């Protein structure tokens, strides 16, 4: 498990795979801490963006993944 992640029963769901604008695919880890915050999770940041900016959850995930250095990406050990 990623060092930033906490136990999350939804952590390994396939729909957490997100295609970025450059065509690469990364795994979104919503339980990680968003690096622009004081303890806010990546999921909470995505939900804030959806409600505040009226964008889709998918677009919010893309934004968080592309604009925050690795904080919301799952990093596989090994």
C-alpha atoms as a PDB file:
ATOM      1  CA  UNK A   1       0.000   0.000   0.000  1.00  0.00           C
ATOM      2  CA  UNK A   2       1.124   3.547  -0.708  1.00  0.00           C
ATOM      3  CA  UNK A   3       2.771   5.269   2.250  1.00  0.00           C
ATOM      4  CA  UNK A   4       0.216   8.116   2.011  1.00  0.00           C
ATOM      5  CA  UNK A   5      -2.836   5.848   1.924  1.00  0.00           C
ATOM      6  CA  UNK A   6      -4.986   4.669   4.771  1.00  0.00           C
ATOM      7  CA  UNK A   7      -7.156   1.558   4.895  1.00  0.00           C
ATOM      8  CA  UNK A   8      -9.934   2.056   2.361  1.00  0.00           C
ATOM      9  CA  UNK A   9     -12.214  -0.766   1.171  1.00  0.00           C
ATOM     10  CA  UNK A  10     -12.609   1.001  -2.194  1.00  0.00           C
ATOM     11  CA  UNK A  11      -8.853   1.569  -2.658  1.00  0.00           C
ATOM     12  CA  UNK A  12      -8.387  -1.112  -5.341  1.00  0.00           C
ATOM     13  CA  UNK A  13     -11.541  -0.597  -7.421  1.00  0.00           C
ATOM     14  CA  UNK A  14     -10.889  -0.591 -11.154  1.00  0.00           C
ATOM     15  CA  UNK A  15     -12.874   2.620 -11.690  1.00  0.00           C
ATOM     16  CA  UNK A  16     -10.099   4.431  -9.825  1.00  0.00           C
ATOM     17  CA  UNK A  17      -8.042   4.217 -13.026  1.00  0.00           C
ATOM     18  CA  UNK A  18      -8.014   7.665 -14.621  1.00  0.00           C
ATOM     19  CA  UNK A  19      -6.859   8.556 -18.120  1.00  0.00           C
ATOM     20  CA  UNK A  20      -4.958  11.833 -18.110  1.00  0.00           C
ATOM     21  CA  UNK A  21      -4.909  14.381 -20.920  1.00  0.00           C
ATOM     22  CA  UNK A  22      -1.538  13.051 -22.164  1.00  0.00           C
ATOM     23  CA  UNK A  23      -3.105   9.595 -22.697  1.00  0.00           C
ATOM     24  CA  UNK A  24      -1.398   7.927 -19.738  1.00  0.00           C
ATOM     25  CA  UNK A  25      -3.458   6.069 -17.158  1.00  0.00           C
ATOM     26  CA  UNK A  26      -2.842   6.312 -13.422  1.00  0.00           C
ATOM     27  CA  UNK A  27      -4.578   4.908 -10.383  1.00  0.00           C
ATOM     28  CA  UNK A  28      -6.336   7.521  -8.236  1.00  0.00           C
ATOM     29  CA  UNK A  29      -5.970   6.974  -4.486  1.00  0.00           C
ATOM     30  CA  UNK A  30      -8.764   8.947  -2.877  1.00  0.00           C
ATOM     31  CA  UNK A  31      -7.695   8.144   0.659  1.00  0.00           C
ATOM     32  CA  UNK A  32      -4.286   9.790   0.151  1.00  0.00           C
ATOM     33  CA  UNK A  33      -3.771  13.272   1.530  1.00  0.00           C
ATOM     34  CA  UNK A  34      -4.058  16.036  -1.053  1.00  0.00           C
ATOM     35  CA  UNK A  35      -0.720  17.852  -0.940  1.00  0.00           C
ATOM     36  CA  UNK A  36      -2.296  21.313  -1.159  1.00  0.00           C
ATOM     37  CA  UNK A  37      -4.051  20.872   2.164  1.00  0.00           C
ATOM     38  CA  UNK A  38      -3.717  20.400   5.859  1.00  0.00           C
ATOM     39  CA  UNK A  39      -5.050  16.851   5.975  1.00  0.00           C
ATOM     40  CA  UNK A  40      -7.794  16.889   3.317  1.00  0.00           C
ATOM     41  CA  UNK A  41      -8.065  13.625   1.387  1.00  0.00           C
ATOM     42  CA  UNK A  42      -7.927  13.465  -2.371  1.00  0.00           C
ATOM     43  CA  UNK A  43     -11.560  12.259  -2.405  1.00  0.00           C
ATOM     44  CA  UNK A  44     -12.635  15.290  -0.375  1.00  0.00           C
ATOM     45  CA  UNK A  45     -10.782  17.625  -2.744  1.00  0.00           C
ATOM     46  CA  UNK A  46     -12.479  16.016  -5.746  1.00  0.00           C
ATOM     47  CA  UNK A  47     -15.908  16.368  -4.128  1.00  0.00           C
ATOM     48  CA  UNK A  48     -15.185  20.026  -3.326  1.00  0.00           C
ATOM     49  CA  UNK A  49     -14.229  20.685  -6.953  1.00  0.00           C
ATOM     50  CA  UNK A  50     -17.380  18.935  -8.225  1.00  0.00           C
ATOM     51  CA  UNK A  51     -19.668  21.002  -5.997  1.00  0.00           C
ATOM     52  CA  UNK A  52     -17.789  24.303  -6.246  1.00  0.00           C
ATOM     53  CA  UNK A  53     -16.886  24.309  -9.942  1.00  0.00           C
ATOM     54  CA  UNK A  54     -19.739  22.112 -11.243  1.00  0.00           C
ATOM     55  CA  UNK A  55     -17.418  19.758 -13.102  1.00  0.00           C
ATOM     56  CA  UNK A  56     -17.653  15.987 -13.395  1.00  0.00           C
ATOM     57  CA  UNK A  57     -15.983  13.749 -10.842  1.00  0.00           C
ATOM     58  CA  UNK A  58     -13.774  12.373 -13.627  1.00  0.00           C
ATOM     59  CA  UNK A  59     -12.590  15.862 -14.645  1.00  0.00           C
ATOM     60  CA  UNK A  60     -11.944  16.764 -11.008  1.00  0.00           C
ATOM     61  CA  UNK A  61      -9.805  13.627 -10.586  1.00  0.00           C
ATOM     62  CA  UNK A  62      -7.863  14.489 -13.741  1.00  0.00           C
ATOM     63  CA  UNK A  63      -7.258  17.999 -12.441  1.00  0.00           C
ATOM     64  CA  UNK A  64      -6.094  16.781  -9.039  1.00  0.00           C
ATOM     65  CA  UNK A  65      -3.814  14.159 -10.598  1.00  0.00           C
ATOM     66  CA  UNK A  66      -2.267  16.512 -13.147  1.00  0.00           C
ATOM     67  CA  UNK A  67      -1.818  19.522 -10.885  1.00  0.00           C
ATOM     68  CA  UNK A  68      -0.565  17.936  -7.659  1.00  0.00           C
ATOM     69  CA  UNK A  69       2.796  16.182  -7.704  1.00  0.00           C
ATOM     70  CA  UNK A  70       2.015  12.490  -7.093  1.00  0.00           C
ATOM     71  CA  UNK A  71      -0.064  13.118  -3.963  1.00  0.00           C
ATOM     72  CA  UNK A  72      -3.182  11.406  -5.280  1.00  0.00           C
ATOM     73  CA  UNK A  73      -1.521   8.719  -7.387  1.00  0.00           C
ATOM     74  CA  UNK A  74      -1.254   5.200  -6.042  1.00  0.00           C
ATOM     75  CA  UNK A  75       2.362   4.125  -6.050  1.00  0.00           C
ATOM     76  CA  UNK A  76       2.793   0.367  -6.187  1.00  0.00           C
ATOM     77  CA  UNK A  77       5.467  -1.041  -3.882  1.00  0.00           C
ATOM     78  CA  UNK A  78       8.149  -3.217  -5.414  1.00  0.00           C
END
